[in-house]
Amino acid sequence: MDESLVVAIPARMGASRLPGKPLADIGGRPLIAHVIARAQALEGAQCVVATDDERIAAAARAAGVAAVLTRADHPTGSDRLAELGEHLGWHGREIIVNLQGDEPLMPLSCLRAVVDALRADPSAAAATLATPVSSAREAFDPSCVKVVAAADGRALYFSRAPIPWARDAFAREREHLPEGLPMLRHLGLYAYRAHTLRRFAALPQGRLERFESLEQLRLLENGLPIALRLAPEPIPPGVDTPEDLERVRRLLASV
C-alpha cells in the first residue's frame, strides 16, 4: 500500500484561555486559514481539518480543504485525529502530521523534519521535535515541556518538571543552567502512522499522562517508541492567549 502523507489539523471551539480562537481574525482571515496555508506548503501532503464546530469546518472549506466534524469530548488532539481516521477510512500506513490549529507560524522545515524523522525510524510509533532549553526560567516553567533523549534518538520521557535534574549544580543555585546540561524543550508537532492513532485511541489514559497532562506519555507508557529530532529552526509560539493573538497579528502583518 502507498504511504500517503496527510497534515491533519485538530481545532476546537472551546479553548479555555481564548474561546473561539480558530475563527479569530488575523489580517482579514481566520486563524485556522493561516494554519491551513502552512500545511498546504508541505509537498505531496493532503490537508484536512478535524473539528467539533460547523463554523470552523466552514472556514476550513472556504480555505480550500476538507473538514470533518468530530465529537466534542475528546481528551486530546490525537484522540480527535483517530476519529478523523475512522471517518476517512485510513488504511493504517498513511503518515499523519498533527499540526495544532493554533500554530499559524509553523516553519515548513519543521513539517518536513518530523516526517523525515518518522520515515527514518520505521519501527517508531510516532516522531516529534525538540530544541535545547536556553534558560533556567524556561527549565523551571511547567508550561515548557521537557523531553529526555536516548542515545538512539528516541524519547525516554516527557515532563513538565526540569529533566534531567542536575543534582549537584541545582543544589548550589538555580538561576543558571549548568554548562552542557542536555535539557530539551519538546515542541508539540507530531507525525504518526495511522495505525498508531488507532491504537492510541483504544488505550486508556495512563497515570503518567493524567498527572503530567501530556498525551504523548500514553505511547511511552505502553511501550510505543517516539523518534525525537532537533528542530531545524525555531518554532514561534502558537496562539493560546489574547496577547499571543496580538503578537501573531503584528508578525503576519509585517510579512
Protein backbone atom coordinates (compact mmCIF):
# COMPACT_ATOMS: atom_id res chain seq x y z
CA MET A 1 0.00 0.00 0.00
CA ASP A 2 1.13 3.57 -0.65
CA GLU A 3 2.47 5.59 2.28
CA SER A 4 0.49 8.75 1.65
CA LEU A 5 1.02 11.94 3.63
CA VAL A 6 -1.71 13.88 5.44
CA VAL A 7 -1.47 17.05 7.51
CA ALA A 8 -4.37 16.83 9.95
CA ILE A 9 -5.30 19.92 11.95
CA PRO A 10 -7.33 19.39 15.13
CA ALA A 11 -9.24 22.55 16.06
CA ARG A 12 -11.89 23.06 18.70
CA MET A 13 -14.08 25.99 19.62
CA GLY A 14 -13.89 25.87 23.40
CA ALA A 15 -10.28 26.74 24.25
CA SER A 16 -10.30 27.85 27.89
CA ARG A 17 -7.97 30.87 27.56
CA LEU A 18 -9.19 32.08 24.16
CA PRO A 19 -12.62 30.67 23.25
CA GLY A 20 -13.35 30.60 19.54
CA LYS A 21 -9.72 31.20 18.61
CA PRO A 22 -9.75 29.19 15.33
CA LEU A 23 -12.04 31.91 13.95
CA ALA A 24 -10.11 34.87 15.38
CA ASP A 25 -9.40 37.41 12.66
CA ILE A 26 -5.80 37.85 11.54
CA GLY A 27 -5.36 40.17 8.61
CA GLY A 28 -8.87 39.57 7.30
CA ARG A 29 -8.68 35.77 7.51
CA PRO A 30 -9.48 33.42 10.40
CA LEU A 31 -6.60 31.89 12.36
CA ILE A 32 -7.42 28.42 11.02
CA ALA A 33 -6.90 29.65 7.44
CA HIS A 34 -3.35 30.72 8.28
CA VAL A 35 -2.61 27.29 9.79
CA ILE A 36 -4.05 25.64 6.67
CA ALA A 37 -1.74 27.73 4.50
CA ARG A 38 1.24 26.35 6.44
CA ALA A 39 0.01 22.80 5.96
CA GLN A 40 -0.55 23.30 2.24
CA ALA A 41 3.11 24.26 1.81
CA LEU A 42 4.23 20.70 2.62
CA GLU A 43 4.95 18.99 -0.67
CA GLY A 44 2.79 15.98 -1.53
CA ALA A 45 0.55 16.31 1.50
CA GLN A 46 -3.22 16.34 1.72
CA CYS A 47 -4.65 18.69 4.35
CA VAL A 48 -7.79 18.10 6.42
CA VAL A 49 -9.27 19.76 9.50
CA ALA A 50 -10.88 17.82 12.36
CA THR A 51 -13.18 19.99 14.46
CA ASP A 52 -16.13 19.95 16.81
CA ASP A 53 -17.85 23.00 15.33
CA GLU A 54 -19.51 23.60 11.97
CA ARG A 55 -18.30 27.22 11.89
CA ILE A 56 -14.67 26.05 11.97
CA ALA A 57 -15.46 23.42 9.35
CA ALA A 58 -16.99 26.08 7.10
CA ALA A 59 -13.91 28.29 7.48
CA ALA A 60 -11.67 25.35 6.58
CA ARG A 61 -13.70 24.56 3.47
CA ALA A 62 -13.59 28.24 2.47
CA ALA A 63 -9.79 27.96 2.70
CA GLY A 64 -9.91 25.08 0.24
CA VAL A 65 -9.52 21.95 2.36
CA ALA A 66 -11.76 19.18 3.62
CA ALA A 67 -13.17 19.35 7.14
CA VAL A 68 -14.74 16.61 9.26
CA LEU A 69 -16.95 17.14 12.31
CA THR A 70 -15.78 15.06 15.26
CA ARG A 71 -17.02 14.58 18.81
CA ALA A 72 -16.61 17.43 21.28
CA ASP A 73 -15.48 15.26 24.19
CA HIS A 74 -12.06 14.08 23.00
CA PRO A 75 -9.44 14.43 25.77
CA THR A 76 -6.60 15.12 23.31
CA GLY A 77 -5.97 16.22 19.75
CA SER A 78 -4.58 12.77 18.94
CA ASP A 79 -7.87 11.17 20.01
CA ARG A 80 -9.68 13.60 17.71
CA LEU A 81 -7.43 12.61 14.80
CA ALA A 82 -8.08 8.94 15.48
CA GLU A 83 -11.79 9.60 14.96
CA LEU A 84 -10.91 11.54 11.81
CA GLY A 85 -9.12 8.44 10.52
CA GLU A 86 -12.25 6.38 11.08
CA HIS A 87 -14.30 8.88 9.07
CA LEU A 88 -11.79 8.95 6.21
CA GLY A 89 -11.03 5.22 6.15
CA TRP A 90 -7.28 5.46 6.67
CA HIS A 91 -5.85 2.01 5.97
CA GLY A 92 -3.03 2.25 8.53
CA ARG A 93 0.13 3.14 6.60
CA GLU A 94 -0.59 6.81 5.99
CA ILE A 95 1.77 9.24 7.72
CA ILE A 96 -0.30 11.75 9.65
CA VAL A 97 1.23 15.06 10.73
CA ASN A 98 -0.60 16.54 13.69
CA LEU A 99 -0.37 20.32 13.20
CA GLN A 100 -2.16 22.09 16.03
CA GLY A 101 -4.87 24.52 14.95
CA ASP A 102 -3.21 27.40 16.81
CA GLU A 103 0.21 27.24 15.06
CA PRO A 104 -0.03 29.78 12.21
CA LEU A 105 3.76 30.34 12.15
CA MET A 106 4.94 26.72 11.86
CA PRO A 107 8.07 26.62 9.65
CA LEU A 108 7.91 24.37 6.61
CA SER A 109 11.33 22.96 7.52
CA CYS A 110 9.88 21.59 10.77
CA LEU A 111 6.97 19.91 9.00
CA ARG A 112 9.50 18.23 6.72
CA ALA A 113 11.75 17.29 9.62
CA VAL A 114 9.10 15.49 11.65
CA VAL A 115 8.03 13.46 8.59
CA ASP A 116 11.65 12.60 7.82
CA ALA A 117 12.20 11.51 11.43
CA LEU A 118 9.33 9.03 11.26
CA ARG A 119 10.37 7.68 7.88
CA ALA A 120 13.94 7.22 9.12
CA ASP A 121 12.77 5.06 12.05
CA PRO A 122 10.28 2.54 10.62
CA SER A 123 9.64 0.83 13.96
CA ALA A 124 8.82 4.07 15.78
CA ALA A 125 5.15 4.68 16.56
CA ALA A 126 5.48 8.44 16.24
CA ALA A 127 8.00 11.23 15.79
CA THR A 128 8.33 14.68 17.29
CA LEU A 129 10.78 17.59 17.58
CA ALA A 130 12.70 19.32 20.35
CA THR A 131 15.04 22.25 20.86
CA PRO A 132 17.62 22.99 23.57
CA VAL A 133 16.34 24.74 26.69
CA SER A 134 18.03 28.13 26.81
CA SER A 135 17.46 29.44 30.34
CA ALA A 136 16.74 28.43 33.92
CA ARG A 137 13.43 30.30 33.72
CA GLU A 138 12.40 28.04 30.86
CA ALA A 139 13.69 24.93 32.66
CA PHE A 140 11.56 25.55 35.74
CA ASP A 141 8.44 26.69 33.85
CA PRO A 142 5.82 23.87 33.95
CA SER A 143 4.24 25.13 30.72
CA CYS A 144 7.55 24.34 28.99
CA VAL A 145 7.51 20.58 28.43
CA LYS A 146 10.91 18.92 28.69
CA VAL A 147 11.98 15.70 26.99
CA VAL A 148 14.95 13.42 27.64
CA ALA A 149 16.52 11.72 24.62
CA ALA A 150 18.17 8.32 24.45
CA ALA A 151 21.39 7.69 22.55
CA ASP A 152 19.40 6.09 19.73
CA GLY A 153 17.45 9.28 19.03
CA ARG A 154 14.25 8.23 20.75
CA ALA A 155 12.38 9.91 23.58
CA LEU A 156 12.88 8.44 27.04
CA TYR A 157 10.39 10.63 28.92
CA PHE A 158 8.47 13.90 28.75
CA SER A 159 7.74 16.04 31.79
CA ARG A 160 6.73 19.49 32.94
CA ALA A 161 9.46 19.15 35.57
CA PRO A 162 13.09 20.13 34.81
CA ILE A 163 14.63 16.92 33.48
CA PRO A 164 17.35 15.72 33.50
CA TRP A 165 17.90 17.04 37.03
CA ALA A 166 21.40 18.43 37.58
CA ARG A 167 21.69 17.28 41.19
CA ASP A 168 24.91 18.99 42.29
CA ALA A 169 24.54 22.15 40.22
CA PHE A 170 20.93 22.77 41.23
CA ALA A 171 21.81 22.13 44.88
CA ARG A 172 24.14 25.14 44.65
CA GLU A 173 21.91 27.53 42.65
CA ARG A 174 19.04 27.54 40.17
CA GLU A 175 19.46 30.89 38.46
CA HIS A 176 21.53 29.46 35.63
CA LEU A 177 21.70 26.20 33.73
CA PRO A 178 24.90 24.21 34.23
CA GLU A 179 27.11 24.10 31.16
CA GLY A 180 26.50 21.04 28.99
CA LEU A 181 23.20 20.02 30.59
CA PRO A 182 21.31 18.13 27.81
CA MET A 183 17.90 19.64 28.59
CA LEU A 184 15.49 19.78 25.67
CA ARG A 185 12.18 21.55 25.21
CA HIS A 186 9.52 19.48 23.46
CA LEU A 187 7.81 21.12 20.51
CA GLY A 188 4.22 19.96 20.04
CA LEU A 189 4.42 18.81 16.44
CA TYR A 190 3.87 15.09 15.79
CA ALA A 191 3.91 12.60 12.95
CA TYR A 192 2.34 9.17 13.32
CA ARG A 193 1.35 6.28 11.15
CA ALA A 194 -2.42 5.94 11.02
CA HIS A 195 -2.38 2.57 12.78
CA THR A 196 -0.62 4.25 15.73
CA LEU A 197 -3.50 6.69 16.08
CA ARG A 198 -5.99 3.81 16.12
CA ARG A 199 -4.04 2.07 18.85
CA PHE A 200 -3.55 5.31 20.79
CA ALA A 201 -7.30 5.96 20.93
CA ALA A 202 -8.01 2.37 22.00
CA LEU A 203 -5.68 2.66 25.00
CA PRO A 204 -6.92 4.10 28.31
CA GLN A 205 -5.31 7.27 29.56
CA GLY A 206 -2.41 6.20 31.76
CA ARG A 207 -1.44 7.55 35.17
CA LEU A 208 1.59 9.43 33.83
CA GLU A 209 -0.47 11.04 31.07
CA ARG A 210 -3.13 12.15 33.56
CA PHE A 211 -0.73 13.54 36.16
CA GLU A 212 1.53 15.34 33.69
CA SER A 213 -1.34 16.22 31.32
CA LEU A 214 0.84 15.14 28.37
CA GLU A 215 -0.83 12.94 25.76
CA GLN A 216 2.45 11.61 24.31
CA LEU A 217 3.08 9.71 27.55
CA ARG A 218 0.24 7.35 26.59
CA LEU A 219 2.52 5.99 23.89
CA LEU A 220 5.58 5.63 26.12
CA GLU A 221 3.59 4.08 28.97
CA ASN A 222 2.52 1.36 26.56
CA GLY A 223 5.94 0.67 25.08
CA LEU A 224 5.37 2.55 21.81
CA PRO A 225 8.59 4.38 20.85
CA ILE A 226 8.75 8.01 19.75
CA ALA A 227 11.52 9.18 17.42
CA LEU A 228 12.96 12.52 18.51
CA ARG A 229 14.88 15.03 16.38
CA LEU A 230 16.13 18.58 16.90
CA ALA A 231 14.04 21.19 15.10
CA PRO A 232 15.96 22.64 12.13
CA GLU A 233 14.84 26.15 13.05
CA PRO A 234 12.93 27.82 15.90
CA ILE A 235 9.16 27.34 16.01
CA PRO A 236 7.48 30.62 17.03
CA PRO A 237 4.97 30.31 19.88
CA GLY A 238 1.38 29.48 18.97
CA VAL A 239 -1.79 31.29 19.96
CA ASP A 240 -3.02 30.49 23.47
CA THR A 241 -3.97 33.88 24.86
CA PRO A 242 -5.28 37.26 23.63
CA GLU A 243 -1.71 38.57 23.97
CA ASP A 244 -0.45 35.77 21.71
CA LEU A 245 -3.11 36.67 19.16
CA GLU A 246 -1.98 40.30 19.05
CA ARG A 247 1.65 39.23 18.68
CA VAL A 248 0.81 36.94 15.75
CA ARG A 249 -1.27 39.68 14.12
CA ARG A 250 1.75 42.01 14.24
CA LEU A 251 4.11 39.35 12.89
CA LEU A 252 1.90 38.35 9.98
CA ALA A 253 1.13 41.97 9.14
CA SER A 254 4.86 42.57 8.72
CA VAL A 255 5.39 39.67 6.31
